[in-house]
Protein backbone atom coordinates (compact mmCIF):
# COMPACT_ATOMS: atom_id res chain seq x y z
CA MET A 1 -11.48 -34.10 -26.40
CA GLY A 2 -13.96 -36.54 -27.84
CA TRP A 3 -16.49 -35.66 -25.19
CA TYR A 4 -15.96 -31.99 -25.89
CA ILE A 5 -16.78 -32.52 -29.56
CA PHE A 6 -19.77 -34.70 -28.63
CA ASP A 7 -21.13 -32.12 -26.25
CA ASN A 8 -20.72 -29.21 -28.69
CA SER A 9 -21.67 -30.76 -32.01
CA GLU A 10 -25.30 -31.73 -31.54
CA GLU A 11 -26.36 -30.90 -35.11
CA LYS A 12 -23.39 -32.68 -36.69
CA PHE A 13 -21.64 -35.39 -34.70
CA GLN A 14 -24.50 -36.37 -32.42
CA ASN A 15 -26.91 -36.73 -35.31
CA GLU A 16 -24.56 -38.94 -37.31
CA PHE A 17 -23.72 -41.04 -34.25
CA ARG A 18 -27.43 -41.53 -33.60
CA LYS A 19 -28.00 -42.57 -37.21
CA HIS A 20 -25.16 -45.07 -36.97
CA LEU A 21 -26.64 -46.63 -33.86
CA ILE A 22 -29.87 -47.17 -35.80
CA LYS A 23 -27.86 -49.08 -38.42
CA LEU A 24 -26.56 -51.28 -35.58
CA LYS A 25 -30.12 -51.69 -34.29
CA ILE A 26 -29.36 -49.83 -31.11
CA ASP A 27 -31.97 -47.41 -29.78
CA PRO A 28 -30.51 -45.15 -27.07
CA ALA A 29 -34.01 -44.11 -25.96
CA MET A 30 -35.11 -47.65 -25.15
CA ASN A 31 -33.06 -48.44 -22.07
CA ARG A 32 -34.07 -46.46 -19.00
CA TYR A 33 -31.17 -47.87 -16.97
CA GLU A 34 -29.01 -45.42 -18.82
CA GLU A 35 -30.29 -42.46 -16.78
CA LYS A 36 -28.69 -43.91 -13.65
CA PHE A 37 -25.13 -43.63 -14.97
CA TYR A 38 -25.19 -39.91 -15.68
CA THR A 39 -27.70 -38.57 -13.18
CA GLU A 40 -25.87 -40.21 -10.25
CA GLU A 41 -22.23 -40.25 -11.38
CA LYS A 42 -21.93 -37.32 -13.86
CA PRO A 43 -18.45 -38.47 -14.88
CA TYR A 44 -18.26 -36.44 -18.06
CA GLY A 45 -19.61 -33.09 -16.96
CA LYS A 46 -22.80 -31.46 -18.11
CA ILE A 47 -25.02 -33.75 -20.18
CA ILE A 48 -28.57 -32.45 -20.80
CA THR A 49 -31.39 -34.85 -19.89
CA LYS A 50 -32.53 -35.61 -23.44
CA LEU A 51 -29.04 -36.79 -24.35
CA ILE A 52 -28.49 -39.21 -21.44
CA GLY A 53 -29.27 -42.31 -23.52
CA LEU A 54 -27.17 -41.23 -26.49
CA ALA A 55 -24.31 -40.14 -24.24
CA ASN A 56 -24.20 -43.52 -22.60
CA GLU A 57 -24.09 -45.33 -25.95
CA PHE A 58 -21.28 -42.99 -26.98
CA GLY A 59 -19.50 -43.53 -23.64
CA ASP A 60 -19.61 -47.32 -24.08
CA VAL A 61 -17.47 -47.19 -27.20
CA TRP A 62 -15.54 -43.94 -26.77
CA SER A 63 -14.16 -45.00 -23.39
CA ILE A 64 -12.51 -47.94 -25.18
CA THR A 65 -11.37 -46.15 -28.34
CA SER A 66 -10.04 -43.04 -26.64
CA LEU A 67 -8.35 -44.42 -23.47
CA LEU A 68 -6.76 -47.49 -25.01
CA HIS A 69 -5.85 -46.43 -28.55
CA ASP A 70 -2.09 -46.18 -27.86
CA VAL A 71 -1.47 -49.14 -25.48
CA GLY A 72 0.38 -50.83 -28.36
CA TYR A 73 3.31 -48.43 -28.08
CA ILE A 74 4.94 -50.97 -25.78
CA LEU A 75 5.41 -53.21 -28.86
CA GLU A 76 6.58 -50.62 -31.40
CA GLY A 77 10.30 -51.41 -31.84
CA THR A 78 12.00 -51.33 -35.24
CA ILE A 79 14.36 -53.57 -37.16
CA SER A 80 16.10 -52.48 -40.40
CA SER A 81 14.51 -53.97 -43.51
CA ALA A 82 18.03 -55.11 -44.54
CA SER A 83 18.75 -56.75 -41.16
CA THR A 84 18.64 -60.48 -40.55
CA GLU A 85 17.63 -59.86 -36.96
CA VAL A 86 14.24 -61.13 -35.84
CA GLU A 87 14.04 -59.64 -32.36
CA ASN A 88 13.93 -56.13 -30.92
CA VAL A 89 14.52 -55.71 -27.18
CA ARG A 90 11.60 -53.33 -26.84
CA VAL A 91 9.23 -55.73 -28.60
CA SER A 92 10.48 -58.61 -26.37
CA ARG A 93 9.91 -56.58 -23.24
CA GLY A 94 6.47 -55.54 -24.44
CA SER A 95 5.46 -59.14 -25.11
CA LYS A 96 6.39 -60.01 -21.52
CA VAL A 97 4.21 -57.17 -20.22
CA VAL A 98 1.24 -58.41 -22.31
CA HIS A 99 1.86 -61.98 -21.13
CA ASP A 100 1.91 -60.95 -17.47
CA TYR A 101 -1.35 -59.08 -17.86
CA PHE A 102 -3.32 -62.11 -19.06
CA ASN A 103 -1.58 -64.71 -16.96
CA HIS A 104 -1.03 -62.88 -13.68
CA TRP A 105 -2.23 -59.25 -13.40
CA PHE A 106 -5.75 -60.05 -14.60
CA TRP A 107 -6.22 -62.59 -11.76
CA ARG A 108 -4.71 -60.22 -9.21
CA LYS A 109 -7.10 -57.52 -10.27
CA PHE A 110 -10.05 -59.85 -9.78
CA GLU A 111 -8.59 -61.09 -6.44
CA VAL A 112 -8.78 -64.78 -7.36
CA ASP A 113 -6.27 -67.62 -7.14
CA PHE A 114 -4.53 -67.43 -10.52
CA ARG A 115 -3.69 -71.13 -10.54
CA ALA A 116 -7.25 -72.18 -9.90
CA ALA A 117 -8.64 -69.51 -12.29
CA GLN A 118 -6.45 -70.75 -15.14
CA ASN A 119 -7.60 -74.28 -14.54
CA ILE A 120 -11.21 -73.12 -14.54
CA ALA A 121 -10.57 -71.23 -17.79
CA ASN A 122 -9.28 -74.43 -19.38
CA LEU A 123 -12.44 -76.36 -18.53
CA LEU A 124 -14.66 -73.43 -19.60
CA ASP A 125 -12.87 -73.58 -22.98
CA VAL A 126 -11.50 -70.09 -22.46
CA SER A 127 -8.13 -69.44 -24.13
CA VAL A 128 -5.65 -67.75 -21.81
CA PRO A 129 -3.35 -65.72 -24.15
CA ASP A 130 0.24 -66.95 -23.93
CA PHE A 131 2.92 -64.59 -25.15
CA LYS A 132 5.95 -65.93 -23.26
CA SER A 133 7.41 -67.56 -26.40
CA SER A 134 6.43 -64.77 -28.79
CA GLN A 135 9.51 -62.59 -28.71
CA SER A 136 10.38 -62.30 -32.39
CA LEU A 137 8.62 -59.52 -34.31
CA ALA A 138 6.73 -61.82 -36.62
CA SER A 139 5.73 -64.42 -34.05
CA LEU A 140 4.34 -61.72 -31.76
CA GLY A 141 2.56 -60.01 -34.69
CA ASP A 142 0.80 -63.26 -35.57
CA ARG A 143 0.07 -64.17 -31.99
CA LEU A 144 -1.67 -60.82 -31.41
CA CYS A 145 -4.10 -61.65 -34.20
CA ASP A 146 -5.08 -64.88 -32.52
CA ILE A 147 -7.81 -63.83 -30.04
CA GLY A 148 -8.49 -67.42 -28.97
CA GLY A 149 -11.78 -69.22 -28.99
CA CYS A 150 -15.03 -67.31 -29.09
CA GLU A 151 -17.41 -70.30 -28.79
CA ASN A 152 -18.98 -69.22 -25.50
CA ILE A 153 -19.79 -65.75 -27.01
CA ARG A 154 -21.03 -67.40 -30.24
CA LYS A 155 -23.46 -69.69 -28.38
CA LYS A 156 -24.94 -66.70 -26.57
CA LEU A 157 -25.25 -64.66 -29.78
CA MET A 158 -26.86 -67.59 -31.56
CA ASP A 159 -29.87 -67.21 -29.27
CA ARG A 160 -30.49 -63.68 -30.59
CA ASP A 161 -32.93 -63.39 -33.46
CA GLU A 162 -31.10 -60.46 -35.15
CA PHE A 163 -27.96 -62.50 -35.91
CA ASN A 164 -28.09 -64.84 -38.81
CA ASN A 165 -24.40 -64.72 -39.86
CA LYS A 166 -23.06 -68.06 -40.92
CA ALA A 167 -20.14 -67.45 -38.56
CA ILE A 168 -22.54 -67.19 -35.60
CA MET A 169 -24.92 -69.95 -36.57
CA GLU A 170 -22.19 -72.48 -37.35
CA ALA A 171 -20.30 -74.24 -34.51
CA TYR A 172 -16.90 -72.65 -33.91
CA GLY A 173 -17.63 -70.07 -36.60
CA LEU A 174 -16.10 -67.24 -34.58
CA ASN A 175 -12.86 -69.09 -33.87
CA ARG A 176 -10.86 -67.00 -36.33
CA GLU A 177 -8.17 -64.33 -36.34
CA ALA A 178 -8.90 -60.72 -35.43
CA PHE A 179 -8.93 -59.13 -38.91
CA SER A 180 -11.41 -61.78 -40.06
CA ILE A 181 -13.65 -61.01 -37.07
CA TRP A 182 -13.55 -57.24 -37.80
CA LYS A 183 -14.24 -57.87 -41.50
CA MET A 184 -17.26 -59.99 -40.53
CA TYR A 185 -18.47 -57.13 -38.29
CA TYR A 186 -18.34 -54.59 -41.17
CA GLU A 187 -20.02 -57.07 -43.52
CA THR A 188 -22.86 -57.58 -41.03
CA TYR A 189 -23.80 -53.94 -41.32
CA ASP A 190 -22.98 -53.55 -45.03
CA ASN A 191 -20.14 -51.09 -44.41
CA GLY A 192 -18.06 -51.81 -47.53
CA LYS A 193 -15.90 -48.69 -47.26
CA MET A 194 -14.68 -49.46 -43.72
CA LYS A 195 -14.09 -53.09 -44.74
CA ASN A 196 -11.88 -51.90 -47.64
CA ILE A 197 -9.95 -49.52 -45.33
CA LEU A 198 -9.47 -52.38 -42.85
CA GLU A 199 -8.01 -54.54 -45.69
CA ILE A 200 -5.48 -51.82 -46.48
CA VAL A 201 -4.53 -51.53 -42.78
CA LYS A 202 -4.17 -55.29 -42.54
CA ASP A 203 -1.87 -55.41 -45.64
CA GLU A 204 0.23 -52.61 -44.21
CA TYR A 205 0.42 -54.28 -40.81
CA TYR A 206 1.82 -57.47 -42.29
CA ASP A 207 4.04 -55.68 -44.78
CA ALA A 208 5.58 -53.63 -41.98
CA MET A 209 6.00 -56.79 -39.91
CA TRP A 210 7.76 -58.79 -42.62
CA LYS A 211 9.27 -56.28 -45.13
CA GLY A 212 8.99 -52.65 -44.09
CA THR A 213 8.41 -51.63 -47.71
CA ASN A 214 6.88 -48.22 -46.98
CA GLN A 215 9.04 -47.19 -44.09
CA GLY A 216 12.47 -48.72 -44.65
CA PHE A 217 12.27 -50.67 -41.42
CA ARG A 218 10.18 -53.49 -39.97
CA ASN A 219 7.96 -52.88 -36.99
CA LEU A 220 4.58 -53.60 -35.37
CA ASN A 221 2.27 -50.60 -35.88
CA HIS A 222 1.24 -49.39 -32.44
CA GLY A 223 -2.28 -48.54 -33.53
CA VAL A 224 -3.02 -52.02 -34.92
CA CYS A 225 -1.34 -53.60 -31.87
CA SER A 226 -3.52 -51.47 -29.59
CA GLY A 227 -6.65 -52.71 -31.29
CA LEU A 228 -5.48 -56.32 -31.16
CA ILE A 229 -4.49 -56.22 -27.47
CA VAL A 230 -7.77 -54.58 -26.43
CA LEU A 231 -9.80 -57.04 -28.51
CA GLN A 232 -7.98 -59.95 -26.88
CA ALA A 233 -8.51 -58.56 -23.38
CA LEU A 234 -12.24 -57.87 -23.80
CA THR A 235 -12.90 -61.07 -25.64
CA PHE A 236 -11.09 -62.96 -22.88
CA TYR A 237 -13.31 -61.37 -20.24
CA HIS A 238 -16.55 -61.97 -22.17
CA GLU A 239 -15.62 -65.59 -22.91
CA PHE A 240 -15.01 -66.16 -19.21
CA MET A 241 -18.30 -64.52 -18.22
CA TRP A 242 -20.40 -66.52 -20.67
CA GLY A 243 -18.43 -69.70 -20.00
CA PHE A 244 -19.60 -69.64 -16.38
CA GLU A 245 -23.22 -69.25 -17.49
CA LEU A 246 -22.98 -72.07 -20.00
CA LEU A 247 -21.21 -74.46 -17.58
CA ASN A 248 -22.65 -74.34 -14.10
CA TRP A 249 -20.99 -76.27 -11.23
CA GLU A 250 -22.82 -79.52 -11.91
CA LYS A 251 -21.74 -79.58 -15.56
CA PHE A 252 -18.31 -78.33 -14.63
CA GLU A 253 -17.81 -81.08 -12.06
CA VAL A 254 -18.79 -83.79 -14.54
CA LYS A 255 -16.31 -82.43 -17.08
CA GLN A 256 -13.64 -82.05 -14.43
CA ASN A 257 -14.01 -85.65 -13.33
CA THR A 258 -13.30 -86.90 -16.82
CA GLU A 259 -9.82 -85.31 -16.69
CA LYS A 260 -6.98 -87.85 -16.52
CA ASP A 261 -4.93 -85.65 -14.26
CA HIS A 262 -6.80 -84.50 -11.15
CA ILE A 263 -3.93 -82.38 -9.81
CA ASN A 264 -5.59 -79.32 -11.32
CA CYS A 265 -9.11 -80.03 -10.17
CA ILE A 266 -10.75 -77.38 -8.02
CA SER A 267 -13.43 -77.43 -5.33
CA LYS A 268 -17.00 -76.15 -5.60
CA GLN A 269 -16.15 -73.29 -3.18
CA ILE A 270 -13.24 -72.06 -5.34
CA TYR A 271 -15.43 -72.35 -8.44
CA ASN A 272 -18.19 -70.27 -6.83
CA ASP A 273 -15.81 -67.70 -5.40
CA THR A 274 -14.09 -67.22 -8.75
CA LYS A 275 -17.43 -66.96 -10.55
CA ALA A 276 -18.70 -64.39 -8.07
CA GLN A 277 -15.61 -62.20 -8.40
CA ILE A 278 -15.58 -62.23 -12.22
CA ILE A 279 -19.27 -61.96 -13.14
CA GLU A 280 -20.71 -60.25 -10.09
CA GLU A 281 -18.13 -58.11 -8.26
CA TYR A 282 -16.22 -56.73 -11.20
CA VAL A 283 -18.80 -56.39 -13.97
CA PRO A 284 -18.07 -53.03 -15.70
CA LYS A 285 -20.57 -50.33 -14.65
CA GLU A 286 -21.72 -49.64 -18.19
CA MET A 287 -22.85 -53.29 -18.35
CA ASP A 288 -24.11 -53.57 -14.79
CA ILE A 289 -26.51 -50.59 -14.97
CA ARG A 290 -28.32 -52.14 -17.89
CA GLY A 291 -29.47 -55.00 -15.71
CA GLU A 292 -28.43 -58.31 -17.28
CA PRO A 293 -25.14 -58.29 -19.26
CA SER A 294 -25.59 -59.04 -22.92
CA PRO A 295 -23.28 -60.67 -25.52
CA ILE A 296 -24.48 -58.02 -27.94
CA PHE A 297 -22.16 -55.58 -26.15
CA TRP A 298 -19.18 -57.61 -27.43
CA PHE A 299 -20.41 -57.86 -31.02
CA LYS A 300 -21.81 -54.32 -31.53
CA LYS A 301 -19.50 -52.30 -29.35
CA VAL A 302 -16.25 -54.15 -28.55
CA LEU A 303 -15.71 -55.06 -32.22
CA TRP A 304 -16.64 -51.57 -33.38
CA ALA A 305 -14.38 -49.81 -30.84
CA THR A 306 -11.35 -52.07 -31.33
CA ALA A 307 -11.54 -51.94 -35.13
CA SER A 308 -11.57 -48.13 -34.85
CA ILE A 309 -8.45 -48.29 -32.70
CA ALA A 310 -6.66 -50.61 -35.18
CA ILE A 311 -7.36 -48.28 -38.09
CA HIS A 312 -6.53 -44.92 -36.49
CA ASP A 313 -2.74 -44.68 -36.96
CA VAL A 314 -1.92 -46.32 -40.31
CA ILE A 315 -4.35 -44.08 -42.23
CA GLN A 316 -2.69 -40.91 -40.93
CA GLU A 317 0.75 -41.86 -42.33
CA GLU A 318 2.21 -40.38 -45.49
CA TYR A 319 2.52 -43.79 -47.13
CA TYR A 320 -1.27 -44.24 -46.73
CA GLU A 321 -1.78 -41.24 -49.05
CA LYS A 322 0.42 -42.96 -51.65
CA ILE A 323 -1.68 -46.15 -51.28
CA CYS A 324 -4.88 -44.11 -51.80
CA LYS A 325 -3.60 -42.65 -55.04
CA LYS A 326 -3.16 -46.14 -56.45
CA CYS A 327 -6.80 -46.95 -55.80
CA SER A 328 -9.38 -46.52 -58.60
CA ASP A 329 -11.26 -44.09 -56.41
CA PRO A 330 -8.85 -42.48 -53.88
CA GLU A 331 -11.68 -40.77 -52.05
CA ASN A 332 -13.28 -44.12 -51.30
CA VAL A 333 -10.54 -45.02 -48.85
CA LYS A 334 -10.99 -41.85 -46.79
CA ILE A 335 -13.51 -41.82 -43.94
CA LYS A 336 -16.48 -39.47 -43.83
CA LEU A 337 -18.35 -38.81 -40.63
CA ASP A 338 -21.34 -40.81 -41.79
CA ASP A 339 -19.22 -43.79 -42.85
CA ASP A 340 -18.24 -44.51 -39.24
CA PRO A 341 -18.54 -41.68 -36.69
CA LEU A 342 -16.47 -43.53 -34.07
CA ALA A 343 -13.52 -44.25 -36.36
CA PHE A 344 -13.78 -40.72 -37.79
CA LEU A 345 -13.67 -39.15 -34.34
CA GLY A 346 -10.85 -41.42 -33.21
CA VAL A 347 -8.61 -40.21 -36.04
CA LEU A 348 -9.76 -36.56 -35.73
CA VAL A 349 -9.01 -36.30 -32.01
CA ASP A 350 -5.72 -38.18 -32.29
CA ALA A 351 -4.52 -35.63 -34.87
CA LEU A 352 -5.94 -32.56 -33.12
CA GLN A 353 -4.66 -33.22 -29.63
CA GLU A 354 -1.04 -32.52 -30.41
CA TRP A 355 -0.24 -30.73 -27.18
CA ASP A 356 1.42 -32.28 -24.12
CA ARG A 357 2.46 -35.35 -26.11
CA TYR A 358 6.06 -36.35 -25.45
CA THR A 359 7.96 -38.54 -27.79
CA ILE A 360 8.91 -42.08 -26.73
CA SER A 361 11.72 -42.43 -29.22
CA GLY A 362 14.05 -40.24 -31.26
CA GLU A 363 15.04 -36.87 -29.77
CA SER A 364 14.56 -36.33 -26.06
CA ALA A 365 11.41 -34.57 -24.99
CA PHE A 366 13.71 -31.97 -23.41
CA SER A 367 16.03 -31.52 -26.41
CA GLU A 368 17.02 -27.93 -27.17
CA LYS A 369 16.47 -28.73 -30.85
CA LYS A 370 12.75 -29.30 -30.40
CA GLU A 371 10.31 -27.20 -28.42
CA LEU A 372 7.14 -29.19 -27.84
CA LEU A 373 3.56 -27.85 -27.88
CA GLN A 374 2.07 -27.18 -24.46
CA ASN A 375 -1.62 -26.89 -23.66
CA THR A 376 -1.20 -23.18 -23.11
CA ASP A 377 -0.08 -22.91 -26.77
CA VAL A 378 -3.51 -23.90 -28.06
CA ASP A 379 -6.77 -21.91 -28.03
CA ILE A 380 -10.20 -23.40 -28.67
CA ASP A 381 -13.45 -21.58 -29.45
CA ILE A 382 -16.80 -22.27 -31.08
CA LYS A 383 -17.91 -20.00 -33.94
CA LEU A 384 -20.50 -20.45 -36.67
CA ASP A 385 -21.40 -23.97 -35.40
CA LYS A 386 -17.79 -25.14 -35.74
CA ILE A 387 -15.19 -25.98 -33.07
CA ASN A 388 -11.98 -24.14 -33.87
CA PHE A 389 -8.45 -24.98 -32.76
CA TYR A 390 -5.62 -22.46 -32.94
CA TYR A 391 -2.02 -23.72 -32.66
CA LEU A 392 1.02 -21.62 -31.82
CA LEU A 393 3.98 -21.66 -34.19
CA LYS A 394 6.81 -23.30 -32.23
CA LYS A 395 10.49 -22.41 -32.08
CA GLY A 396 13.44 -24.73 -32.56
CA ASN A 397 15.56 -25.58 -35.60
CA GLY A 398 13.15 -23.56 -37.71
CA GLU A 399 9.51 -22.86 -36.94
CA LYS A 400 7.13 -25.81 -36.72
CA ASN A 401 3.66 -25.13 -38.12
CA PHE A 402 1.41 -27.55 -36.24
CA SER A 403 -1.78 -26.37 -37.88
CA LYS A 404 -0.43 -27.05 -41.31
CA ASP A 405 0.90 -30.51 -40.37
CA ILE A 406 -2.41 -31.50 -38.73
CA LYS A 407 -4.40 -30.42 -41.81
CA LYS A 408 -2.13 -32.54 -44.02
CA ALA A 409 -2.62 -35.62 -41.80
CA LEU A 410 -6.37 -35.21 -41.71
CA ASN A 411 -6.61 -34.63 -45.46
CA ARG A 412 -4.85 -37.96 -46.06
CA CYS A 413 -7.56 -39.99 -44.38
CA LEU A 414 -10.75 -38.03 -43.64
CA LEU A 415 -13.30 -36.31 -45.85
CA LYS A 416 -15.11 -33.12 -44.90
CA TRP A 417 -13.53 -33.02 -41.46
CA ASP A 418 -13.52 -29.21 -41.74
CA ASP A 419 -17.32 -29.27 -41.61
CA LEU A 420 -16.95 -30.23 -37.92
CA VAL A 421 -13.78 -28.41 -36.82
CA GLY A 422 -11.59 -25.51 -37.94
CA ILE A 423 -7.82 -25.34 -37.65
CA GLY A 424 -5.87 -22.11 -37.61
CA GLU A 425 -2.73 -20.47 -36.15
CA LYS A 426 -2.48 -18.74 -32.87
CA PHE A 427 -0.45 -15.62 -33.59
CA PRO A 428 2.74 -16.24 -31.64
CA TYR A 429 4.49 -12.86 -31.45
CA SER A 430 3.50 -9.29 -30.70
CA THR A 431 7.18 -8.54 -30.32
CA CYS A 432 10.42 -9.91 -31.75
CA PRO A 433 11.26 -13.23 -30.07
CA HIS A 434 14.93 -12.18 -29.84
CA CYS A 435 15.05 -8.50 -28.92
CA GLY A 436 11.48 -7.56 -28.04
CA ALA A 437 11.09 -5.00 -30.87
CA PRO A 438 7.42 -4.37 -31.67
CA LEU A 439 5.55 -5.88 -34.64
CA ALA A 440 5.87 -3.73 -37.78
CA GLU A 441 3.40 -5.58 -40.07
CA ARG A 442 1.71 -8.88 -40.72
CA THR A 443 0.84 -9.56 -44.38
CA TYR A 444 0.17 -12.37 -46.78
CA GLN A 445 2.16 -13.06 -49.92
CA SER A 446 1.81 -15.46 -52.85
CA SER A 447 4.27 -17.49 -54.85
CA GLU A 448 3.95 -19.51 -58.05
CA ILE A 449 3.22 -22.59 -55.97
CA VAL A 450 1.59 -21.42 -52.72
CA ILE A 451 -0.85 -18.62 -52.02
CA ASP A 452 -1.37 -16.74 -48.77
CA LEU A 453 2.11 -17.15 -47.25
CA GLU A 454 2.10 -15.38 -43.89
CA CYS A 455 4.77 -12.69 -43.59
CA ILE A 456 5.52 -11.30 -40.10
CA ALA A 457 7.96 -8.41 -39.88
CA PHE A 458 9.28 -6.61 -36.77
CA GLU A 459 10.82 -3.15 -36.45
CA CYS A 460 14.26 -4.69 -35.75
CA GLY A 461 14.22 -6.29 -39.21
CA HIS A 462 13.40 -9.84 -38.07
CA VAL A 463 11.07 -11.46 -40.64
CA ILE A 464 9.21 -14.76 -40.59
CA VAL A 465 7.60 -16.06 -43.80
CA ASP A 466 5.39 -19.16 -43.75
CA GLY A 467 6.76 -20.14 -40.35
CA LYS A 468 10.44 -19.85 -41.36
CA VAL A 469 12.87 -17.13 -40.43
CA THR A 470 14.00 -15.37 -43.66
CA VAL A 471 15.70 -12.32 -42.15
CA VAL A 472 17.44 -12.54 -38.75
CA CYS A 473 16.93 -9.90 -36.07
CA ASN A 474 19.52 -7.08 -36.39
CA LYS A 475 20.45 -7.27 -32.75
CA LYS A 476 20.88 -11.04 -32.78
CA SER A 477 23.04 -10.90 -35.97
CA THR A 478 25.41 -8.44 -34.24
CA GLU A 479 25.82 -10.46 -31.06
CA PRO A 480 29.41 -11.66 -30.46
């Protein structure tokens, strides 16, 4: 969906995305390696030549924000605010999955000896995330915010002239928790609004973890957890990669020989094999095609993408709207496209793509009480330089008006989103859904509170007003 909007919004989204790259001191026209990715692979369909550079820059961050924005669902279990319980079975299981990823699956993916690799990590000063003892809600929530040491990344960034942050110039200045890292990122580029929104998201994350004030239950917000997990994973990889560069075998061997316990020492061959697998064989293509990997990718793109993930869910919730009203300027905690095009698009697409999304809790996806939205229930077109989405009214215990609900969610957190996309209803019935009687009329009415209430009437007497059945079909009402 994000790529569809990118491809079809050159005058709006693409221009703002390009402007934002300039703020980050990224010039998509400078790196000719970028042509290789799209001219040879063409993974995202038709990209015209002049947009190859911009498309690659967008792909670097959107691939993270879009594909990984909901991985935190494995940790979203709830505990009543009044309960003295500290564990939720779903959260405990999720923490084990995360632990296995960093301590076992990661090494299997890279086809290296996990025992040797973890010993190498220790001597490279790379923190291997350990979640095996973080089973309570609060301990896991805190542990997720601890992304480990970032000293190898900091040393590489320190060599770049464009960074003069105290956190980068000072030894161990990046060894801090995730929200502080994201805050520093926004401060670096003078993005005060996004920093303020991040602070609200942080407060809500910890409130939900300890109190559950706004929801009546305690939980770990899946959006924030997603951002934290992805930030840990990508930081872990980058720390490993730069650790190898900063500590070659000769330096590694000297450090290894100073260890009191030599049981965990490894040979030069294992060191070289592990290094080759991690920084040569499995370097992500978007980094490899640019020639030499750069630590700037972590600072400018990983931090940007993961912060956008962390923000995307909390700001769509009803309680966020209440928080906004308490602010001196409620509009200043809503995102405009030019505030942060990536965070804006992440929220927009998450709200728009309502079809084929099956619930993971509550009523069953196949419950007779709830008919879910299918992809065939949504039409998309482009008119007057705007991408339009039309959602079908769904049946169940009363009609569900997806278009109205999506508009409400977007209005809570985004400004001027309707300059980019339009949202409307896909007319659901040409005949009565119960007896097949033809449509008699479709009109719009007004009340003292709401204007333009849609009124659909059929020849059998069945009437639907504003998505709700007000008069039942004559034939249905006479059924035994």
